Amino acid sequence: MEKVSVETADRYTEAVVAFCEKLATFPQRGVDRDGVRPGLKTTHYRGRTVIAYAVDEAAQRVSIIGIFYGGQDYETSLSEDD
């Protein structure tokens, strides 16, 4: 049973990474979260995973700031006060 769990986790992780890489194609699809941190955007993967990122238009780059799962308090973790 442990092997199945590891394989499932690996597949999920790979899928999240692939989703993050696709943000470069359409980075504006996320929701602006400037109230949490200036320039922050968030999007969801499969409903329970929040991906927090920033877009540098000049450099044409998307920077993943954090990936949070299952109701974690990402707003507190990402607030500029921290």
PDB file of N, CA and C in Angstrom:
ATOM      1  N   MET A   1       0.816  -1.194   0.000  1.00  0.00           N
ATOM      2  CA  MET A   1       0.000   0.000   0.000  1.00  0.00           C
ATOM      3  C   MET A   1       0.863   1.262   0.000  1.00  0.00           C
ATOM      4  N   GLU A   2       1.995   1.228   0.656  1.00  0.00           N
ATOM      5  CA  GLU A   2       2.869   2.398   0.699  1.00  0.00           C
ATOM      6  C   GLU A   2       3.363   2.779  -0.692  1.00  0.00           C
ATOM      7  N   LYS A   3       3.696   1.783  -1.519  1.00  0.00           N
ATOM      8  CA  LYS A   3       4.175   2.062  -2.873  1.00  0.00           C
ATOM      9  C   LYS A   3       3.121   2.804  -3.688  1.00  0.00           C
ATOM     10  N   VAL A   4       1.872   2.411  -3.553  1.00  0.00           N
ATOM     11  CA  VAL A   4       0.796   3.084  -4.267  1.00  0.00           C
ATOM     12  C   VAL A   4       0.710   4.546  -3.828  1.00  0.00           C
ATOM     13  N   SER A   5       0.832   4.802  -2.556  1.00  0.00           N
ATOM     14  CA  SER A   5       0.761   6.167  -2.043  1.00  0.00           C
ATOM     15  C   SER A   5       1.902   7.021  -2.579  1.00  0.00           C
ATOM     16  N   VAL A   6       3.094   6.467  -2.628  1.00  0.00           N
ATOM     17  CA  VAL A   6       4.255   7.194  -3.150  1.00  0.00           C
ATOM     18  C   VAL A   6       4.051   7.484  -4.635  1.00  0.00           C
ATOM     19  N   GLU A   7       3.576   6.505  -5.368  1.00  0.00           N
ATOM     20  CA  GLU A   7       3.328   6.700  -6.797  1.00  0.00           C
ATOM     21  C   GLU A   7       2.249   7.755  -7.031  1.00  0.00           C
ATOM     22  N   THR A   8       1.215   7.719  -6.235  1.00  0.00           N
ATOM     23  CA  THR A   8       0.140   8.705  -6.354  1.00  0.00           C
ATOM     24  C   THR A   8       0.673  10.105  -6.053  1.00  0.00           C
ATOM     25  N   ALA A   9       1.459  10.232  -5.008  1.00  0.00           N
ATOM     26  CA  ALA A   9       2.050  11.524  -4.653  1.00  0.00           C
ATOM     27  C   ALA A   9       2.973  12.024  -5.751  1.00  0.00           C
ATOM     28  N   ASP A  10       3.764  11.135  -6.314  1.00  0.00           N
ATOM     29  CA  ASP A  10       4.660  11.524  -7.405  1.00  0.00           C
ATOM     30  C   ASP A  10       3.884  12.030  -8.610  1.00  0.00           C
ATOM     31  N   ARG A  11       2.822  11.326  -8.973  1.00  0.00           N
ATOM     32  CA  ARG A  11       2.005  11.746 -10.120  1.00  0.00           C
ATOM     33  C   ARG A  11       1.352  13.102  -9.859  1.00  0.00           C
ATOM     34  N   TYR A  12       0.858  13.299  -8.641  1.00  0.00           N
ATOM     35  CA  TYR A  12       0.214  14.566  -8.302  1.00  0.00           C
ATOM     36  C   TYR A  12       1.224  15.706  -8.349  1.00  0.00           C
ATOM     37  N   THR A  13       2.401  15.468  -7.793  1.00  0.00           N
ATOM     38  CA  THR A  13       3.452  16.479  -7.798  1.00  0.00           C
ATOM     39  C   THR A  13       3.857  16.838  -9.227  1.00  0.00           C
ATOM     40  N   GLU A  14       4.035  15.837 -10.056  1.00  0.00           N
ATOM     41  CA  GLU A  14       4.387  16.082 -11.454  1.00  0.00           C
ATOM     42  C   GLU A  14       3.293  16.878 -12.166  1.00  0.00           C
ATOM     43  N   ALA A  15       2.044  16.595 -11.874  1.00  0.00           N
ATOM     44  CA  ALA A  15       0.934  17.314 -12.493  1.00  0.00           C
ATOM     45  C   ALA A  15       0.898  18.774 -12.033  1.00  0.00           C
ATOM     46  N   VAL A  16       1.178  19.021 -10.760  1.00  0.00           N
ATOM     47  CA  VAL A  16       1.217  20.396 -10.254  1.00  0.00           C
ATOM     48  C   VAL A  16       2.360  21.160 -10.918  1.00  0.00           C
ATOM     49  N   VAL A  17       3.515  20.542 -11.047  1.00  0.00           N
ATOM     50  CA  VAL A  17       4.658  21.187 -11.699  1.00  0.00           C
ATOM     51  C   VAL A  17       4.310  21.521 -13.155  1.00  0.00           C
ATOM     52  N   ALA A  18       3.703  20.584 -13.867  1.00  0.00           N
ATOM     53  CA  ALA A  18       3.314  20.830 -15.258  1.00  0.00           C
ATOM     54  C   ALA A  18       2.309  21.983 -15.343  1.00  0.00           C
ATOM     55  N   PHE A  19       1.370  22.037 -14.403  1.00  0.00           N
ATOM     56  CA  PHE A  19       0.393  23.125 -14.369  1.00  0.00           C
ATOM     57  C   PHE A  19       1.098  24.464 -14.159  1.00  0.00           C
ATOM     58  N   CYS A  20       2.066  24.491 -13.249  1.00  0.00           N
ATOM     59  CA  CYS A  20       2.821  25.717 -12.985  1.00  0.00           C
ATOM     60  C   CYS A  20       3.592  26.161 -14.225  1.00  0.00           C
ATOM     61  N   GLU A  21       4.184  25.211 -14.920  1.00  0.00           N
ATOM     62  CA  GLU A  21       4.936  25.548 -16.126  1.00  0.00           C
ATOM     63  C   GLU A  21       4.030  26.153 -17.196  1.00  0.00           C
ATOM     64  N   LYS A  22       2.781  25.731 -17.244  1.00  0.00           N
ATOM     65  CA  LYS A  22       1.830  26.265 -18.224  1.00  0.00           C
ATOM     66  C   LYS A  22       1.383  27.689 -17.895  1.00  0.00           C
ATOM     67  N   LEU A  23       1.644  28.146 -16.682  1.00  0.00           N
ATOM     68  CA  LEU A  23       1.303  29.527 -16.340  1.00  0.00           C
ATOM     69  C   LEU A  23       2.061  30.519 -17.217  1.00  0.00           C
ATOM     70  N   ALA A  24       3.205  30.130 -17.734  1.00  0.00           N
ATOM     71  CA  ALA A  24       3.979  31.005 -18.610  1.00  0.00           C
ATOM     72  C   ALA A  24       3.209  31.341 -19.889  1.00  0.00           C
ATOM     73  N   THR A  25       2.335  30.439 -20.325  1.00  0.00           N
ATOM     74  CA  THR A  25       1.557  30.655 -21.549  1.00  0.00           C
ATOM     75  C   THR A  25       0.450  31.682 -21.337  1.00  0.00           C
ATOM     76  N   PHE A  26      -0.199  31.631 -20.200  1.00  0.00           N
ATOM     77  CA  PHE A  26      -1.311  32.542 -19.912  1.00  0.00           C
ATOM     78  C   PHE A  26      -1.266  32.940 -18.438  1.00  0.00           C
ATOM     79  N   PRO A  27      -0.309  33.763 -18.056  1.00  0.00           N
ATOM     80  CA  PRO A  27      -0.106  34.077 -16.636  1.00  0.00           C
ATOM     81  C   PRO A  27      -1.199  34.931 -16.007  1.00  0.00           C
ATOM     82  N   GLN A  28      -1.982  35.620 -16.811  1.00  0.00           N
ATOM     83  CA  GLN A  28      -2.998  36.509 -16.252  1.00  0.00           C
ATOM     84  C   GLN A  28      -4.269  35.773 -15.841  1.00  0.00           C
ATOM     85  N   ARG A  29      -4.293  34.454 -15.971  1.00  0.00           N
ATOM     86  CA  ARG A  29      -5.506  33.703 -15.642  1.00  0.00           C
ATOM     87  C   ARG A  29      -5.809  33.682 -14.150  1.00  0.00           C
ATOM     88  N   GLY A  30      -4.834  33.952 -13.317  1.00  0.00           N
ATOM     89  CA  GLY A  30      -5.039  33.911 -11.876  1.00  0.00           C
ATOM     90  C   GLY A  30      -5.816  35.105 -11.360  1.00  0.00           C
ATOM     91  N   VAL A  31      -6.086  35.073 -10.084  1.00  0.00           N
ATOM     92  CA  VAL A  31      -6.820  36.142  -9.400  1.00  0.00           C
ATOM     93  C   VAL A  31      -5.803  37.065  -8.729  1.00  0.00           C
ATOM     94  N   ASP A  32      -5.948  38.368  -8.959  1.00  0.00           N
ATOM     95  CA  ASP A  32      -5.066  39.337  -8.295  1.00  0.00           C
ATOM     96  C   ASP A  32      -5.317  39.302  -6.793  1.00  0.00           C
ATOM     97  N   ARG A  33      -4.248  39.234  -6.027  1.00  0.00           N
ATOM     98  CA  ARG A  33      -4.339  39.212  -4.563  1.00  0.00           C
ATOM     99  C   ARG A  33      -3.456  40.314  -3.968  1.00  0.00           C
ATOM    100  N   ASP A  34      -3.531  41.513  -4.565  1.00  0.00           N
ATOM    101  CA  ASP A  34      -2.726  42.642  -4.105  1.00  0.00           C
ATOM    102  C   ASP A  34      -2.983  42.987  -2.645  1.00  0.00           C
ATOM    103  N   GLY A  35      -4.156  42.656  -2.120  1.00  0.00           N
ATOM    104  CA  GLY A  35      -4.461  42.910  -0.714  1.00  0.00           C
ATOM    105  C   GLY A  35      -3.625  42.060   0.227  1.00  0.00           C
ATOM    106  N   VAL A  36      -3.122  40.939  -0.265  1.00  0.00           N
ATOM    107  CA  VAL A  36      -2.258  40.072   0.534  1.00  0.00           C
ATOM    108  C   VAL A  36      -0.805  40.488   0.355  1.00  0.00           C
ATOM    109  N   ARG A  37      -0.440  40.746  -0.904  1.00  0.00           N
ATOM    110  CA  ARG A  37       0.940  41.111  -1.245  1.00  0.00           C
ATOM    111  C   ARG A  37       0.902  41.728  -2.645  1.00  0.00           C
ATOM    112  N   PRO A  38       1.480  42.908  -2.827  1.00  0.00           N
ATOM    113  CA  PRO A  38       1.457  43.552  -4.145  1.00  0.00           C
ATOM    114  C   PRO A  38       2.051  42.637  -5.225  1.00  0.00           C
ATOM    115  N   GLY A  39       1.301  42.523  -6.333  1.00  0.00           N
ATOM    116  CA  GLY A  39       1.746  41.718  -7.453  1.00  0.00           C
ATOM    117  C   GLY A  39       1.420  40.237  -7.354  1.00  0.00           C
ATOM    118  N   LEU A  40       0.822  39.830  -6.245  1.00  0.00           N
ATOM    119  CA  LEU A  40       0.512  38.412  -6.038  1.00  0.00           C
ATOM    120  C   LEU A  40      -0.718  38.008  -6.842  1.00  0.00           C
ATOM    121  N   LYS A  41      -0.649  36.838  -7.432  1.00  0.00           N
ATOM    122  CA  LYS A  41      -1.787  36.220  -8.098  1.00  0.00           C
ATOM    123  C   LYS A  41      -1.921  34.812  -7.541  1.00  0.00           C
ATOM    124  N   THR A  42      -3.141  34.302  -7.542  1.00  0.00           N
ATOM    125  CA  THR A  42      -3.349  32.910  -7.139  1.00  0.00           C
ATOM    126  C   THR A  42      -4.237  32.220  -8.164  1.00  0.00           C
ATOM    127  N   THR A  43      -4.046  30.927  -8.267  1.00  0.00           N
ATOM    128  CA  THR A  43      -4.902  30.077  -9.075  1.00  0.00           C
ATOM    129  C   THR A  43      -5.001  28.741  -8.355  1.00  0.00           C
ATOM    130  N   HIS A  44      -5.923  27.918  -8.786  1.00  0.00           N
ATOM    131  CA  HIS A  44      -6.133  26.626  -8.131  1.00  0.00           C
ATOM    132  C   HIS A  44      -5.836  25.484  -9.081  1.00  0.00           C
ATOM    133  N   TYR A  45      -5.314  24.421  -8.529  1.00  0.00           N
ATOM    134  CA  TYR A  45      -5.142  23.177  -9.259  1.00  0.00           C
ATOM    135  C   TYR A  45      -6.038  22.137  -8.602  1.00  0.00           C
ATOM    136  N   ARG A  46      -6.958  21.616  -9.355  1.00  0.00           N
ATOM    137  CA  ARG A  46      -7.910  20.600  -8.886  1.00  0.00           C
ATOM    138  C   ARG A  46      -8.654  21.007  -7.613  1.00  0.00           C
ATOM    139  N   GLY A  47      -8.891  22.283  -7.465  1.00  0.00           N
ATOM    140  CA  GLY A  47      -9.754  22.759  -6.400  1.00  0.00           C
ATOM    141  C   GLY A  47      -9.143  22.885  -5.021  1.00  0.00           C
ATOM    142  N   ARG A  48      -8.180  22.038  -4.667  1.00  0.00           N
ATOM    143  CA  ARG A  48      -7.661  22.058  -3.300  1.00  0.00           C
ATOM    144  C   ARG A  48      -6.226  22.564  -3.190  1.00  0.00           C
ATOM    145  N   THR A  49      -5.581  22.769  -4.294  1.00  0.00           N
ATOM    146  CA  THR A  49      -4.201  23.241  -4.267  1.00  0.00           C
ATOM    147  C   THR A  49      -4.165  24.678  -4.769  1.00  0.00           C
ATOM    148  N   VAL A  50      -3.658  25.593  -3.942  1.00  0.00           N
ATOM    149  CA  VAL A  50      -3.538  26.995  -4.317  1.00  0.00           C
ATOM    150  C   VAL A  50      -2.099  27.244  -4.746  1.00  0.00           C
ATOM    151  N   ILE A  51      -1.952  27.832  -5.916  1.00  0.00           N
ATOM    152  CA  ILE A  51      -0.629  28.195  -6.424  1.00  0.00           C
ATOM    153  C   ILE A  51      -0.554  29.707  -6.402  1.00  0.00           C
ATOM    154  N   ALA A  52       0.416  30.227  -5.661  1.00  0.00           N
ATOM    155  CA  ALA A  52       0.633  31.664  -5.547  1.00  0.00           C
ATOM    156  C   ALA A  52       1.835  32.023  -6.410  1.00  0.00           C
ATOM    157  N   TYR A  53       1.686  33.073  -7.214  1.00  0.00           N
ATOM    158  CA  TYR A  53       2.762  33.431  -8.121  1.00  0.00           C
ATOM    159  C   TYR A  53       2.751  34.920  -8.434  1.00  0.00           C
ATOM    160  N   ALA A  54       3.828  35.376  -9.047  1.00  0.00           N
ATOM    161  CA  ALA A  54       3.950  36.757  -9.486  1.00  0.00           C
ATOM    162  C   ALA A  54       4.397  36.745 -10.944  1.00  0.00           C
ATOM    163  N   VAL A  55       3.983  37.763 -11.680  1.00  0.00           N
ATOM    164  CA  VAL A  55       4.321  37.872 -13.089  1.00  0.00           C
ATOM    165  C   VAL A  55       5.227  39.082 -13.277  1.00  0.00           C
ATOM    166  N   ASP A  56       6.366  38.864 -13.893  1.00  0.00           N
ATOM    167  CA  ASP A  56       7.270  39.948 -14.280  1.00  0.00           C
ATOM    168  C   ASP A  56       7.108  40.114 -15.783  1.00  0.00           C
ATOM    169  N   GLU A  57       6.269  41.064 -16.167  1.00  0.00           N
ATOM    170  CA  GLU A  57       5.958  41.258 -17.586  1.00  0.00           C
ATOM    171  C   GLU A  57       7.204  41.626 -18.381  1.00  0.00           C
ATOM    172  N   ALA A  58       8.056  42.482 -17.825  1.00  0.00           N
ATOM    173  CA  ALA A  58       9.248  42.930 -18.547  1.00  0.00           C
ATOM    174  C   ALA A  58      10.174  41.761 -18.876  1.00  0.00           C
ATOM    175  N   ALA A  59      10.353  40.870 -17.934  1.00  0.00           N
ATOM    176  CA  ALA A  59      11.235  39.716 -18.138  1.00  0.00           C
ATOM    177  C   ALA A  59      10.484  38.521 -18.732  1.00  0.00           C
ATOM    178  N   GLN A  60       9.175  38.677 -18.910  1.00  0.00           N
ATOM    179  CA  GLN A  60       8.324  37.593 -19.391  1.00  0.00           C
ATOM    180  C   GLN A  60       8.557  36.325 -18.566  1.00  0.00           C
ATOM    181  N   ARG A  61       8.424  36.507 -17.249  1.00  0.00           N
ATOM    182  CA  ARG A  61       8.694  35.405 -16.326  1.00  0.00           C
ATOM    183  C   ARG A  61       7.591  35.304 -15.287  1.00  0.00           C
ATOM    184  N   VAL A  62       7.263  34.069 -14.944  1.00  0.00           N
ATOM    185  CA  VAL A  62       6.333  33.772 -13.861  1.00  0.00           C
ATOM    186  C   VAL A  62       7.143  33.151 -12.732  1.00  0.00           C
ATOM    187  N   SER A  63       7.025  33.699 -11.552  1.00  0.00           N
ATOM    188  CA  SER A  63       7.727  33.164 -10.376  1.00  0.00           C
ATOM    189  C   SER A  63       6.710  32.549  -9.434  1.00  0.00           C
ATOM    190  N   ILE A  64       6.888  31.273  -9.149  1.00  0.00           N
ATOM    191  CA  ILE A  64       6.017  30.599  -8.194  1.00  0.00           C
ATOM    192  C   ILE A  64       6.486  30.982  -6.799  1.00  0.00           C
ATOM    193  N   ILE A  65       5.595  31.540  -6.023  1.00  0.00           N
ATOM    194  CA  ILE A  65       5.937  32.000  -4.677  1.00  0.00           C
ATOM    195  C   ILE A  65       5.622  30.928  -3.648  1.00  0.00           C
ATOM    196  N   GLY A  66       4.573  30.166  -3.894  1.00  0.00           N
ATOM    197  CA  GLY A  66       4.222  29.111  -2.951  1.00  0.00           C
ATOM    198  C   GLY A  66       3.127  28.216  -3.496  1.00  0.00           C
ATOM    199  N   ILE A  67       3.097  26.998  -3.003  1.00  0.00           N
ATOM    200  CA  ILE A  67       2.051  26.036  -3.339  1.00  0.00           C
ATOM    201  C   ILE A  67       1.495  25.531  -2.013  1.00  0.00           C
ATOM    202  N   PHE A  68       0.183  25.662  -1.858  1.00  0.00           N
ATOM    203  CA  PHE A  68      -0.461  25.367  -0.590  1.00  0.00           C
ATOM    204  C   PHE A  68      -1.593  24.381  -0.829  1.00  0.00           C
ATOM    205  N   TYR A  69      -1.744  23.438   0.065  1.00  0.00           N
ATOM    206  CA  TYR A  69      -2.738  22.378  -0.118  1.00  0.00           C
ATOM    207  C   TYR A  69      -3.725  22.333   1.036  1.00  0.00           C
ATOM    208  N   GLY A  70      -4.966  22.062   0.701  1.00  0.00           N
ATOM    209  CA  GLY A  70      -5.988  21.701   1.682  1.00  0.00           C
ATOM    210  C   GLY A  70      -6.316  22.725   2.733  1.00  0.00           C
ATOM    211  N   GLY A  71      -6.526  23.953   2.347  1.00  0.00           N
ATOM    212  CA  GLY A  71      -6.974  24.946   3.305  1.00  0.00           C
ATOM    213  C   GLY A  71      -5.888  25.578   4.153  1.00  0.00           C
ATOM    214  N   GLN A  72      -4.629  25.395   3.771  1.00  0.00           N
ATOM    215  CA  GLN A  72      -3.554  26.071   4.509  1.00  0.00           C
ATOM    216  C   GLN A  72      -3.762  27.578   4.432  1.00  0.00           C
ATOM    217  N   ASP A  73      -3.337  28.294   5.435  1.00  0.00           N
ATOM    218  CA  ASP A  73      -3.491  29.748   5.505  1.00  0.00           C
ATOM    219  C   ASP A  73      -2.370  30.417   4.708  1.00  0.00           C
ATOM    220  N   TYR A  74      -2.498  30.398   3.396  1.00  0.00           N
ATOM    221  CA  TYR A  74      -1.460  30.971   2.547  1.00  0.00           C
ATOM    222  C   TYR A  74      -1.415  32.490   2.650  1.00  0.00           C
ATOM    223  N   GLU A  75      -2.541  33.117   2.950  1.00  0.00           N
ATOM    224  CA  GLU A  75      -2.565  34.581   3.040  1.00  0.00           C
ATOM    225  C   GLU A  75      -1.620  35.078   4.147  1.00  0.00           C
ATOM    226  N   THR A  76      -1.664  34.452   5.291  1.00  0.00           N
ATOM    227  CA  THR A  76      -0.770  34.840   6.382  1.00  0.00           C
ATOM    228  C   THR A  76       0.677  34.540   6.007  1.00  0.00           C
ATOM    229  N   SER A  77       0.907  33.388   5.409  1.00  0.00           N
ATOM    230  CA  SER A  77       2.264  33.004   5.016  1.00  0.00           C
ATOM    231  C   SER A  77       2.855  33.970   4.003  1.00  0.00           C
ATOM    232  N   LEU A  78       2.041  34.534   3.140  1.00  0.00           N
ATOM    233  CA  LEU A  78       2.531  35.381   2.041  1.00  0.00           C
ATOM    234  C   LEU A  78       2.393  36.868   2.282  1.00  0.00           C
ATOM    235  N   SER A  79       1.788  37.246   3.389  1.00  0.00           N
ATOM    236  CA  SER A  79       1.594  38.670   3.612  1.00  0.00           C
ATOM    237  C   SER A  79       2.945  39.371   3.746  1.00  0.00           C
ATOM    238  N   GLU A  80       2.999  40.602   3.304  1.00  0.00           N
ATOM    239  CA  GLU A  80       4.263  41.350   3.318  1.00  0.00           C
ATOM    240  C   GLU A  80       4.768  41.627   4.716  1.00  0.00           C
ATOM    241  N   ASP A  81       3.893  41.559   5.695  1.00  0.00           N
ATOM    242  CA  ASP A  81       4.319  41.830   7.070  1.00  0.00           C
ATOM    243  C   ASP A  81       5.273  40.775   7.595  1.00  0.00           C
ATOM    244  N   ASP A  82       5.246  39.565   6.988  1.00  0.00           N
ATOM    245  CA  ASP A  82       6.096  38.474   7.472  1.00  0.00           C
ATOM    246  C   ASP A  82       7.483  38.563   6.931  1.00  0.00           C
TER     247      ASP A  82
END
